Amino acid sequence: MISLHCFGEERGLVVTMTSKLPYVDSYKDLLIYNKARDLSREIYRLSKDFPSDESYSLMSQIRRSSRSIGAQIAEAWAKRFYKKHFISKLTDSDAEVNETEHWIDIAYDCGYLSQENKQRLTEECREIGRMIGGMISKADAFCGQNEPST
């Protein structure tokens, strides 16, 4: 049995299915996508306090990588009819999670993030990474239903 978290009429609804993905209108209904957006928004908010000389370096790098996590999940969703493409886009998203975590460490090292914010953001990255790993390991639950004919 596969337990997948998605957003329905009640936020955070847990749907348990035995063989296929529950009805989801779009990637925007996936909990992981919404967590990625939350992370991106929080990084944007915190990075506003970085020094102005970081605008075109650390600030833009951490914002770009954190925004790319959700973008790659959206692309994976679009490619879910083809398992290998789906997994490839999810591994790209996982790479962006790791890059974001790296930039969080650098921001902390430079004194731009507190220990508390670093720990919180790092845990959010790791949770998203675990969820991506879960999607990859359960790719069959997401992929191949109603495959377009070739």
Protein backbone atom coordinates (compact mmCIF):
# COMPACT_ATOMS: atom_id res chain seq x y z
CA MET A 1 0.00 0.00 0.00
CA ILE A 2 1.32 3.45 -0.90
CA SER A 3 0.58 6.45 1.27
CA LEU A 4 0.94 9.74 -0.61
CA HIS A 5 0.39 13.18 0.79
CA CYS A 6 -1.41 15.65 -1.42
CA PHE A 7 -3.52 18.71 -1.05
CA GLY A 8 -7.21 18.26 -1.57
CA GLU A 9 -10.12 20.25 -0.32
CA GLU A 10 -8.64 19.85 3.15
CA ARG A 11 -5.01 21.02 3.27
CA GLY A 12 -2.66 18.21 4.15
CA LEU A 13 -5.11 15.42 3.38
CA VAL A 14 -3.46 11.97 3.44
CA VAL A 15 -4.74 9.65 0.74
CA THR A 16 -3.90 5.94 0.80
CA MET A 17 -4.12 4.02 -2.44
CA THR A 18 -3.30 0.43 -3.27
CA SER A 19 -2.21 0.65 -6.87
CA LYS A 20 -2.16 4.10 -8.43
CA LEU A 21 -1.67 7.75 -7.67
CA PRO A 22 -4.70 9.46 -6.15
CA TYR A 23 -6.40 12.04 -8.28
CA VAL A 24 -4.25 15.15 -8.30
CA ASP A 25 -5.03 18.04 -10.61
CA SER A 26 -1.45 19.21 -10.99
CA TYR A 27 1.99 19.29 -9.45
CA LYS A 28 0.74 22.27 -7.42
CA ASP A 29 -1.31 19.82 -5.36
CA LEU A 30 1.75 17.84 -4.26
CA LEU A 31 2.95 18.41 -0.70
CA ILE A 32 6.59 18.26 -1.81
CA TYR A 33 6.07 21.04 -4.36
CA ASN A 34 4.47 23.25 -1.71
CA LYS A 35 7.30 22.54 0.73
CA ALA A 36 9.80 23.52 -1.98
CA ARG A 37 7.94 26.79 -2.55
CA ASP A 38 7.86 27.47 1.19
CA LEU A 39 11.63 26.92 1.37
CA SER A 40 12.19 29.24 -1.58
CA ARG A 41 10.06 31.98 -0.01
CA GLU A 42 11.88 31.67 3.32
CA ILE A 43 15.29 31.84 1.65
CA TYR A 44 14.16 34.90 -0.31
CA ARG A 45 12.96 36.56 2.89
CA LEU A 46 16.16 35.81 4.81
CA SER A 47 18.48 36.70 1.93
CA LYS A 48 17.03 40.22 1.78
CA ASP A 49 19.25 40.95 4.78
CA PHE A 50 22.46 39.81 3.03
CA PRO A 51 24.91 42.63 2.25
CA SER A 52 24.31 44.39 -1.06
CA ASP A 53 27.69 43.24 -2.38
CA GLU A 54 26.28 39.68 -2.34
CA SER A 55 23.41 40.63 -4.68
CA TYR A 56 24.99 39.09 -7.76
CA SER A 57 26.80 36.24 -6.05
CA LEU A 58 25.66 34.35 -2.96
CA MET A 59 22.22 35.97 -2.84
CA SER A 60 21.41 35.14 -6.46
CA GLN A 61 22.90 31.62 -6.20
CA ILE A 62 20.92 30.58 -3.13
CA ARG A 63 17.72 32.09 -4.51
CA ARG A 64 18.19 30.43 -7.92
CA SER A 65 18.95 26.96 -6.53
CA SER A 66 16.07 27.07 -4.03
CA ARG A 67 13.62 28.17 -6.74
CA SER A 68 14.83 25.45 -9.05
CA ILE A 69 13.81 22.68 -6.61
CA GLY A 70 10.11 23.29 -7.21
CA ALA A 71 10.66 23.98 -10.92
CA GLN A 72 12.30 20.58 -11.36
CA ILE A 73 9.42 18.90 -9.49
CA ALA A 74 6.99 20.63 -11.85
CA GLU A 75 9.00 19.40 -14.84
CA ALA A 76 9.09 15.87 -13.40
CA TRP A 77 5.32 15.97 -13.12
CA ALA A 78 5.04 16.91 -16.77
CA LYS A 79 7.27 13.97 -17.69
CA ARG A 80 5.59 11.38 -15.44
CA PHE A 81 4.36 9.37 -18.43
CA TYR A 82 7.96 8.34 -18.99
CA LYS A 83 9.53 6.86 -15.87
CA LYS A 84 13.16 7.50 -16.82
CA HIS A 85 12.46 11.16 -17.62
CA PHE A 86 10.45 11.52 -14.41
CA ILE A 87 13.30 10.11 -12.33
CA SER A 88 15.86 12.22 -14.20
CA LYS A 89 14.01 15.45 -13.39
CA LEU A 90 13.63 14.38 -9.76
CA THR A 91 17.37 13.74 -9.51
CA ASP A 92 17.90 17.25 -10.91
CA SER A 93 15.61 18.55 -8.17
CA ASP A 94 17.58 16.58 -5.57
CA ALA A 95 20.80 18.12 -6.89
CA GLU A 96 19.27 21.58 -6.44
CA VAL A 97 18.39 20.65 -2.85
CA ASN A 98 22.03 19.78 -2.22
CA GLU A 99 23.23 22.97 -3.89
CA THR A 100 20.82 25.01 -1.78
CA GLU A 101 22.08 23.31 1.36
CA HIS A 102 25.64 24.18 0.31
CA TRP A 103 24.73 27.86 -0.10
CA ILE A 104 22.99 27.80 3.30
CA ASP A 105 26.27 26.60 4.82
CA ILE A 106 28.20 29.35 3.01
CA ALA A 107 25.71 32.01 4.15
CA TYR A 108 26.13 30.79 7.72
CA ASP A 109 29.94 30.75 7.38
CA CYS A 110 29.81 34.37 6.19
CA GLY A 111 27.68 35.36 9.19
CA TYR A 112 24.54 36.08 7.15
CA LEU A 113 22.41 33.36 8.76
CA SER A 114 21.99 32.54 12.44
CA GLN A 115 22.66 29.02 13.70
CA GLU A 116 18.91 28.62 14.26
CA ASN A 117 18.01 29.65 10.69
CA LYS A 118 20.79 27.47 9.26
CA GLN A 119 19.55 24.42 11.17
CA ARG A 120 15.92 25.04 10.22
CA LEU A 121 16.65 25.58 6.52
CA THR A 122 18.99 22.58 6.44
CA GLU A 123 16.31 20.35 7.96
CA GLU A 124 13.77 21.63 5.43
CA CYS A 125 16.22 20.77 2.63
CA ARG A 126 16.79 17.31 4.04
CA GLU A 127 13.07 16.67 4.40
CA ILE A 128 12.49 17.69 0.77
CA GLY A 129 15.41 15.48 -0.23
CA ARG A 130 13.86 12.50 1.60
CA MET A 131 10.54 13.17 -0.12
CA ILE A 132 12.25 13.29 -3.52
CA GLY A 133 13.93 9.99 -2.69
CA GLY A 134 10.52 8.56 -1.84
CA MET A 135 9.08 9.72 -5.13
CA ILE A 136 11.99 8.16 -7.00
CA SER A 137 11.66 4.85 -5.16
CA LYS A 138 7.91 4.82 -5.83
CA ALA A 139 8.12 6.18 -9.38
CA ASP A 140 5.78 3.46 -10.64
CA ALA A 141 3.01 4.97 -8.51
CA PHE A 142 3.43 8.28 -10.34
CA CYS A 143 4.34 7.10 -13.82
CA GLY A 144 2.90 5.27 -16.75
CA GLN A 145 -0.80 5.61 -16.09
CA ASN A 146 -2.61 6.49 -19.26
CA GLU A 147 0.63 6.68 -21.21
CA PRO A 148 0.19 8.50 -24.48
CA SER A 149 0.30 6.18 -27.45
CA THR A 150 3.29 6.48 -29.74
